[in-house]
Amino acid sequence: MKIEHQSDGSKGAFIVETDGKRLAEMTYTQSGTSHIIIEHTGVSSTLNGQGVGKLLVRAGVEYARKNRLKILPLCPFAKAEFDKNPEFADVRLQETKGNVP
């Protein structure tokens, strides 16, 4: 499965398309020069059970590592993936109590 990265200034997404139709996406916003905020992960029901959401989050983690960024996973799905995967700790930006960095 091919995951593509699209970026337009401070907004970006990792997506899966078939025949020009977007079937899955993980969207993020760049916050300053040091981190990105994962806002949403969505997968079409046609791809259910294939682990596509996990692949999108992993693609975001690889992007962050390559670009020396931290990730704040605000999306509930992405946050759950970060909580389950200690190997993502190197790119996870920890929230501070009462505010978001």
Protein backbone atom coordinates (compact mmCIF):
# COMPACT_ATOMS: atom_id res chain seq x y z
CA MET A 1 0.00 0.00 0.00
CA LYS A 2 1.42 3.35 -1.04
CA ILE A 3 1.26 6.21 1.43
CA GLU A 4 1.83 9.66 0.00
CA HIS A 5 2.82 12.81 1.86
CA GLN A 6 1.28 16.13 0.94
CA SER A 7 2.35 19.43 2.47
CA ASP A 8 1.07 22.95 1.93
CA GLY A 9 2.86 25.40 4.19
CA SER A 10 1.94 24.65 7.78
CA LYS A 11 -0.60 21.92 6.94
CA GLY A 12 0.12 18.41 5.77
CA ALA A 13 -1.28 14.92 5.40
CA PHE A 14 -0.26 11.34 4.84
CA ILE A 15 -2.80 9.78 2.51
CA VAL A 16 -3.83 6.62 0.71
CA GLU A 17 -5.62 7.08 -2.61
CA THR A 18 -7.06 4.63 -5.09
CA ASP A 19 -8.18 5.75 -8.54
CA GLY A 20 -7.91 9.39 -7.44
CA LYS A 21 -10.18 8.86 -4.44
CA ARG A 22 -8.81 9.50 -0.95
CA LEU A 23 -9.48 6.43 1.19
CA ALA A 24 -7.38 7.25 4.25
CA GLU A 25 -5.62 10.24 5.74
CA MET A 26 -3.74 11.46 8.75
CA THR A 27 -3.64 15.25 8.90
CA TYR A 28 -1.25 17.43 10.84
CA THR A 29 -0.32 21.05 11.43
CA GLN A 30 3.26 22.25 11.70
CA SER A 31 3.74 24.23 14.90
CA GLY A 32 6.82 26.38 14.69
CA THR A 33 9.94 24.70 13.44
CA SER A 34 10.20 21.98 16.05
CA HIS A 35 7.02 19.92 16.03
CA ILE A 36 3.86 18.80 14.30
CA ILE A 37 0.43 18.20 15.76
CA ILE A 38 -1.51 15.19 14.50
CA GLU A 39 -5.10 16.38 14.34
CA HIS A 40 -7.06 13.64 12.60
CA THR A 41 -6.78 10.10 11.31
CA GLY A 42 -9.54 8.68 9.16
CA VAL A 43 -9.83 5.47 7.16
CA SER A 44 -12.60 4.46 4.76
CA SER A 45 -14.63 1.43 5.80
CA THR A 46 -13.43 -0.26 2.59
CA LEU A 47 -9.99 -0.51 4.23
CA ASN A 48 -11.14 -1.64 7.68
CA GLY A 49 -9.03 -4.32 9.29
CA GLN A 50 -5.97 -3.69 7.14
CA GLY A 51 -4.00 -1.63 9.67
CA VAL A 52 -4.00 1.44 7.45
CA GLY A 53 -4.40 3.88 10.36
CA LYS A 54 -1.35 2.38 12.04
CA LEU A 55 0.63 2.68 8.81
CA LEU A 56 -0.31 6.35 8.52
CA VAL A 57 0.85 7.07 12.07
CA ARG A 58 4.09 5.18 11.45
CA ALA A 59 4.66 7.24 8.28
CA GLY A 60 4.25 10.41 10.37
CA VAL A 61 6.75 9.10 12.92
CA GLU A 62 9.28 8.32 10.18
CA TYR A 63 8.78 11.80 8.71
CA ALA A 64 9.36 13.36 12.14
CA ARG A 65 12.54 11.37 12.68
CA LYS A 66 13.89 12.28 9.27
CA ASN A 67 13.16 15.97 9.85
CA ARG A 68 14.13 16.07 13.54
CA LEU A 69 10.62 17.00 14.66
CA LYS A 70 8.55 16.09 17.69
CA ILE A 71 4.91 15.01 17.42
CA LEU A 72 2.00 16.00 19.61
CA PRO A 73 -0.69 13.37 18.90
CA LEU A 74 -3.99 15.14 19.64
CA CYS A 75 -6.03 12.81 17.43
CA PRO A 76 -7.44 10.05 19.70
CA PHE A 77 -6.37 7.27 17.33
CA ALA A 78 -2.82 8.61 16.95
CA LYS A 79 -2.57 9.17 20.72
CA ALA A 80 -3.60 5.54 21.32
CA GLU A 81 -0.95 4.36 18.87
CA PHE A 82 1.71 6.43 20.64
CA ASP A 83 0.56 5.04 24.00
CA LYS A 84 0.86 1.44 22.69
CA ASN A 85 4.22 1.89 20.97
CA PRO A 86 7.14 2.82 23.23
CA GLU A 87 9.39 2.97 20.15
CA PHE A 88 7.63 6.24 19.24
CA ALA A 89 8.83 7.90 22.47
CA ASP A 90 11.79 9.55 20.74
CA VAL A 91 9.49 11.77 18.66
CA ARG A 92 6.64 12.27 21.14
CA LEU A 93 6.21 15.79 22.46
CA GLN A 94 4.81 15.62 25.93
CA GLU A 95 1.88 17.87 26.77
CA THR A 96 2.38 20.10 29.76
CA LYS A 97 -0.36 20.23 32.33
CA GLY A 98 -3.00 22.77 31.44
CA ASN A 99 -1.61 23.76 28.05
CA VAL A 100 -0.20 22.52 24.80
CA PRO A 101 3.38 23.52 23.96
